[in-house]
C-alpha atoms as a PDB file:
ATOM      1  CA  MET A   1      -0.440  -0.124  -0.032  1.00  0.00           C
ATOM      2  CA  SER A   2       1.609   3.450  -1.010  1.00  0.00           C
ATOM      3  CA  ALA A   3       2.244   6.075   1.579  1.00  0.00           C
ATOM      4  CA  LEU A   4      -0.028   8.260  -0.229  1.00  0.00           C
ATOM      5  CA  ARG A   5      -3.021   5.968   0.282  1.00  0.00           C
ATOM      6  CA  LEU A   6      -2.319   5.336   3.914  1.00  0.00           C
ATOM      7  CA  VAL A   7      -2.224   9.137   4.665  1.00  0.00           C
ATOM      8  CA  THR A   8      -5.720   9.735   2.731  1.00  0.00           C
ATOM      9  CA  ARG A   9      -7.241   6.833   4.855  1.00  0.00           C
ATOM     10  CA  SER A  10      -5.783   8.535   8.179  1.00  0.00           C
ATOM     11  CA  VAL A  11      -7.467  12.153   6.883  1.00  0.00           C
ATOM     12  CA  LEU A  12     -10.710  10.569   5.988  1.00  0.00           C
ATOM     13  CA  ARG A  13     -10.765   8.598   9.592  1.00  0.00           C
ATOM     14  CA  THR A  14     -10.037  12.000  11.211  1.00  0.00           C
ATOM     15  CA  ARG A  15     -12.416  13.860   9.317  1.00  0.00           C
ATOM     16  CA  SER A  16     -15.312  11.071   9.731  1.00  0.00           C
ATOM     17  CA  LEU A  17     -14.735  11.064  13.672  1.00  0.00           C
ATOM     18  CA  ALA A  18     -14.429  14.937  13.733  1.00  0.00           C
ATOM     19  CA  THR A  19     -18.124  14.899  12.328  1.00  0.00           C
ATOM     20  CA  ALA A  20     -19.489  11.993  14.648  1.00  0.00           C
ATOM     21  CA  TYR A  21     -18.179  13.828  17.647  1.00  0.00           C
ATOM     22  CA  LYS A  22     -19.229  17.600  16.730  1.00  0.00           C
ATOM     23  CA  GLY A  23     -22.136  18.437  18.755  1.00  0.00           C
ATOM     24  CA  SER A  24     -22.268  15.734  21.228  1.00  0.00           C
ATOM     25  CA  PHE A  25     -19.966  17.980  24.080  1.00  0.00           C
ATOM     26  CA  ARG A  26     -21.779  19.410  26.672  1.00  0.00           C
ATOM     27  CA  GLY A  27     -21.587  23.287  27.845  1.00  0.00           C
ATOM     28  CA  TYR A  28     -20.877  23.900  31.382  1.00  0.00           C
ATOM     29  CA  ALA A  29     -24.218  25.592  31.673  1.00  0.00           C
ATOM     30  CA  GLU A  30     -26.485  21.934  31.604  1.00  0.00           C
ATOM     31  CA  VAL A  31     -24.908  20.543  34.359  1.00  0.00           C
ATOM     32  CA  PRO A  32     -27.871  19.532  36.229  1.00  0.00           C
ATOM     33  CA  SER A  33     -26.628  19.628  40.284  1.00  0.00           C
ATOM     34  CA  ASP A  34     -27.135  22.476  42.577  1.00  0.00           C
ATOM     35  CA  LYS A  35     -24.392  21.322  45.057  1.00  0.00           C
ATOM     36  CA  ILE A  36     -20.686  22.146  44.752  1.00  0.00           C
ATOM     37  CA  ARG A  37     -18.381  19.275  45.411  1.00  0.00           C
ATOM     38  CA  LEU A  38     -15.629  20.900  47.446  1.00  0.00           C
ATOM     39  CA  SER A  39     -12.213  19.682  48.731  1.00  0.00           C
ATOM     40  CA  LEU A  40     -10.074  21.962  51.204  1.00  0.00           C
ATOM     41  CA  THR A  41      -6.570  20.474  51.096  1.00  0.00           C
ATOM     42  CA  VAL A  42      -3.019  21.014  52.757  1.00  0.00           C
ATOM     43  CA  PRO A  43      -0.197  19.765  51.467  1.00  0.00           C
ATOM     44  CA  HIS A  44       0.248  17.390  54.002  1.00  0.00           C
ATOM     45  CA  GLN A  45      -3.761  16.229  54.847  1.00  0.00           C
ATOM     46  CA  SER A  46      -6.911  17.124  53.509  1.00  0.00           C
ATOM     47  CA  ILE A  47      -8.817  19.545  55.911  1.00  0.00           C
ATOM     48  CA  TYR A  48     -12.623  19.044  54.353  1.00  0.00           C
ATOM     49  CA  GLU A  49     -14.753  17.523  51.677  1.00  0.00           C
ATOM     50  CA  SER A  50     -18.312  17.454  51.126  1.00  0.00           C
ATOM     51  CA  VAL A  51     -20.514  17.009  48.138  1.00  0.00           C
ATOM     52  CA  ASP A  52     -23.659  19.437  49.943  1.00  0.00           C
ATOM     53  CA  VAL A  53     -21.939  22.933  49.754  1.00  0.00           C
ATOM     54  CA  VAL A  54     -24.388  24.809  48.631  1.00  0.00           C
ATOM     55  CA  GLN A  55     -21.941  28.250  48.549  1.00  0.00           C
ATOM     56  CA  VAL A  56     -18.277  28.943  49.021  1.00  0.00           C
ATOM     57  CA  ASN A  57     -16.855  32.396  50.007  1.00  0.00           C
ATOM     58  CA  LEU A  58     -13.423  32.858  49.256  1.00  0.00           C
ATOM     59  CA  PRO A  59     -10.432  35.889  50.109  1.00  0.00           C
ATOM     60  CA  ALA A  60      -9.225  36.050  46.809  1.00  0.00           C
ATOM     61  CA  THR A  61      -6.245  38.452  45.762  1.00  0.00           C
ATOM     62  CA  SER A  62      -8.814  40.279  43.068  1.00  0.00           C
ATOM     63  CA  GLY A  63     -11.620  40.616  45.788  1.00  0.00           C
ATOM     64  CA  ASP A  64     -13.612  38.309  47.408  1.00  0.00           C
ATOM     65  CA  LEU A  65     -15.629  35.851  46.062  1.00  0.00           C
ATOM     66  CA  GLY A  66     -18.823  33.589  46.217  1.00  0.00           C
ATOM     67  CA  VAL A  67     -18.652  30.372  44.498  1.00  0.00           C
ATOM     68  CA  LEU A  68     -22.179  29.036  43.773  1.00  0.00           C
ATOM     69  CA  ALA A  69     -22.971  25.551  41.808  1.00  0.00           C
ATOM     70  CA  ASN A  70     -22.409  25.804  38.101  1.00  0.00           C
ATOM     71  CA  HIS A  71     -19.536  28.865  38.330  1.00  0.00           C
ATOM     72  CA  VAL A  72     -17.541  29.662  35.522  1.00  0.00           C
ATOM     73  CA  PRO A  73     -14.325  27.720  35.853  1.00  0.00           C
ATOM     74  CA  SER A  74     -11.686  29.974  36.742  1.00  0.00           C
ATOM     75  CA  ILE A  75      -8.152  29.669  38.856  1.00  0.00           C
ATOM     76  CA  GLU A  76      -7.993  32.570  42.480  1.00  0.00           C
ATOM     77  CA  GLU A  77      -5.469  33.484  43.842  1.00  0.00           C
ATOM     78  CA  LEU A  78      -6.359  33.303  47.876  1.00  0.00           C
ATOM     79  CA  LYS A  79      -4.958  35.865  50.463  1.00  0.00           C
ATOM     80  CA  ALA A  80      -4.493  35.237  54.134  1.00  0.00           C
ATOM     81  CA  GLY A  81      -8.556  35.163  55.226  1.00  0.00           C
ATOM     82  CA  VAL A  82     -11.549  33.282  55.945  1.00  0.00           C
ATOM     83  CA  ILE A  83     -13.161  30.490  53.637  1.00  0.00           C
ATOM     84  CA  ASP A  84     -16.748  30.613  54.742  1.00  0.00           C
ATOM     85  CA  VAL A  85     -18.631  27.031  53.613  1.00  0.00           C
ATOM     86  CA  VAL A  86     -22.264  27.139  53.469  1.00  0.00           C
ATOM     87  CA  GLU A  87     -23.862  23.528  53.741  1.00  0.00           C
ATOM     88  CA  GLU A  88     -27.104  22.400  52.756  1.00  0.00           C
ATOM     89  CA  THR A  89     -28.050  22.183  55.952  1.00  0.00           C
ATOM     90  CA  GLY A  90     -27.765  25.829  56.509  1.00  0.00           C
ATOM     91  CA  THR A  91     -24.828  25.365  58.904  1.00  0.00           C
ATOM     92  CA  THR A  92     -21.875  27.697  57.960  1.00  0.00           C
ATOM     93  CA  LYS A  93     -18.197  25.978  58.564  1.00  0.00           C
ATOM     94  CA  GLN A  94     -15.233  28.625  58.658  1.00  0.00           C
ATOM     95  CA  PHE A  95     -11.458  27.880  57.721  1.00  0.00           C
ATOM     96  CA  PHE A  96      -8.677  30.569  58.370  1.00  0.00           C
ATOM     97  CA  VAL A  97      -6.378  29.976  55.396  1.00  0.00           C
ATOM     98  CA  SER A  98      -2.783  32.089  54.729  1.00  0.00           C
ATOM     99  CA  GLY A  99      -2.728  31.978  51.306  1.00  0.00           C
ATOM    100  CA  GLY A 100      -3.431  29.380  48.271  1.00  0.00           C
ATOM    101  CA  PHE A 101      -5.355  28.739  45.166  1.00  0.00           C
ATOM    102  CA  ALA A 102      -9.166  28.100  44.717  1.00  0.00           C
ATOM    103  CA  ILE A 103      -9.814  26.416  41.254  1.00  0.00           C
ATOM    104  CA  VAL A 104     -13.521  25.702  40.053  1.00  0.00           C
ATOM    105  CA  GLN A 105     -13.485  23.186  37.776  1.00  0.00           C
ATOM    106  CA  PRO A 106     -16.698  22.640  35.074  1.00  0.00           C
ATOM    107  CA  GLY A 107     -19.510  20.120  36.989  1.00  0.00           C
ATOM    108  CA  SER A 108     -19.421  22.345  40.138  1.00  0.00           C
ATOM    109  CA  LEU A 109     -16.398  20.795  41.438  1.00  0.00           C
ATOM    110  CA  LEU A 110     -14.174  23.491  43.653  1.00  0.00           C
ATOM    111  CA  SER A 111     -10.884  22.515  44.698  1.00  0.00           C
ATOM    112  CA  ILE A 112      -8.842  24.513  47.416  1.00  0.00           C
ATOM    113  CA  ASN A 113      -4.978  24.418  47.859  1.00  0.00           C
ATOM    114  CA  ALA A 114      -3.993  26.426  51.068  1.00  0.00           C
ATOM    115  CA  VAL A 115      -0.442  26.913  52.397  1.00  0.00           C
ATOM    116  CA  GLU A 116      -2.479  26.502  55.809  1.00  0.00           C
ATOM    117  CA  ALA A 117      -5.703  25.992  57.207  1.00  0.00           C
ATOM    118  CA  TYR A 118      -7.308  25.869  60.044  1.00  0.00           C
ATOM    119  CA  PRO A 119     -10.859  25.970  61.667  1.00  0.00           C
ATOM    120  CA  VAL A 120     -11.344  29.525  62.857  1.00  0.00           C
ATOM    121  CA  GLU A 121     -12.693  28.077  66.040  1.00  0.00           C
ATOM    122  CA  ASP A 122      -9.148  27.131  66.808  1.00  0.00           C
ATOM    123  CA  PHE A 123      -7.771  30.788  67.219  1.00  0.00           C
ATOM    124  CA  SER A 124      -8.007  32.635  70.388  1.00  0.00           C
ATOM    125  CA  ALA A 125      -8.679  36.348  69.949  1.00  0.00           C
ATOM    126  CA  GLU A 126      -6.863  37.552  72.936  1.00  0.00           C
ATOM    127  CA  ALA A 127      -3.493  35.181  71.531  1.00  0.00           C
ATOM    128  CA  VAL A 128      -3.842  37.127  68.265  1.00  0.00           C
ATOM    129  CA  ARG A 129      -4.401  40.443  69.632  1.00  0.00           C
ATOM    130  CA  THR A 130      -0.906  39.855  71.417  1.00  0.00           C
ATOM    131  CA  GLN A 131       1.083  38.532  68.258  1.00  0.00           C
ATOM    132  CA  LEU A 132      -0.446  41.857  66.397  1.00  0.00           C
ATOM    133  CA  ALA A 133       0.781  43.936  68.843  1.00  0.00           C
ATOM    134  CA  GLU A 134       4.598  42.203  68.637  1.00  0.00           C
ATOM    135  CA  ALA A 135       4.238  42.317  64.975  1.00  0.00           C
ATOM    136  CA  GLN A 136       3.260  46.185  65.355  1.00  0.00           C
ATOM    137  CA  ARG A 137       6.436  46.831  67.073  1.00  0.00           C
ATOM    138  CA  ASN A 138       8.793  45.140  64.913  1.00  0.00           C
ATOM    139  CA  ALA A 139       7.471  46.581  61.653  1.00  0.00           C
ATOM    140  CA  THR A 140       9.152  50.081  63.253  1.00  0.00           C
ATOM    141  CA  SER A 141      12.257  48.695  64.210  1.00  0.00           C
ATOM    142  CA  GLY A 142      14.983  46.462  63.337  1.00  0.00           C
ATOM    143  CA  SER A 143      16.711  45.185  59.751  1.00  0.00           C
ATOM    144  CA  GLU A 144      14.708  46.043  56.589  1.00  0.00           C
ATOM    145  CA  ILE A 145      13.912  42.104  56.504  1.00  0.00           C
ATOM    146  CA  ASP A 146      12.661  42.214  59.875  1.00  0.00           C
ATOM    147  CA  GLN A 147      10.551  45.200  59.110  1.00  0.00           C
ATOM    148  CA  VAL A 148       9.106  43.420  55.862  1.00  0.00           C
ATOM    149  CA  GLU A 149       8.426  40.050  57.707  1.00  0.00           C
ATOM    150  CA  ALA A 150       6.706  41.987  60.521  1.00  0.00           C
ATOM    151  CA  LYS A 151       4.117  43.746  57.895  1.00  0.00           C
ATOM    152  CA  ILE A 152       3.495  40.371  56.103  1.00  0.00           C
ATOM    153  CA  GLU A 153       2.707  38.983  59.744  1.00  0.00           C
ATOM    154  CA  MET A 154       0.626  41.907  60.746  1.00  0.00           C
ATOM    155  CA  GLU A 155      -1.703  41.511  57.231  1.00  0.00           C
ATOM    156  CA  VAL A 156      -2.186  37.661  58.277  1.00  0.00           C
ATOM    157  CA  LEU A 157      -3.124  38.758  61.936  1.00  0.00           C
ATOM    158  CA  GLU A 158      -5.112  41.363  60.925  1.00  0.00           C
ATOM    159  CA  ALA A 159      -7.446  39.213  58.795  1.00  0.00           C
ATOM    160  CA  LEU A 160      -7.454  36.610  61.747  1.00  0.00           C
ATOM    161  CA  ALA A 161      -8.297  39.155  64.092  1.00  0.00           C
ATOM    162  CA  ALA A 162     -11.530  40.114  62.381  1.00  0.00           C
ATOM    163  CA  VAL A 163     -12.918  36.441  62.486  1.00  0.00           C
ATOM    164  CA  ALA A 164     -11.118  35.554  65.935  1.00  0.00           C
ATOM    165  CA  LYS A 165     -13.333  35.000  69.167  1.00  0.00           C
END
């Protein structure tokens, strides 16, 4: 069989497959689920997984973001702040993250990969205020590197102080 005939057959086969698949793909808006499948992980473990989540509020660097079922696929960088998870039962779970990424995928799948994440109830408001005061003192004294580190620490602690009870 000549090489030209093999190439011709290959092209015809490819065109017929493309024609067969044309129109058979589903769009994002056709997903029937009204729930979000959520996965919140840190490098060493999974913190939270659920299939009955109604809404997730994220502290994105571009601004706070609410994710519902059938949200447009996107990738968001997270800043230090609180993730609110609203479950189907109406209960809300809150997790403090120091940063990371949220990936919204087709099929109402939300994956949150954080550097650090902890339930908000694990923090003491008094301890946070004490550490914040220390970071504020360090931001005005010491070397330039110490001052920059203290300002980053202040940003994280201020976000945490807003929700710690």
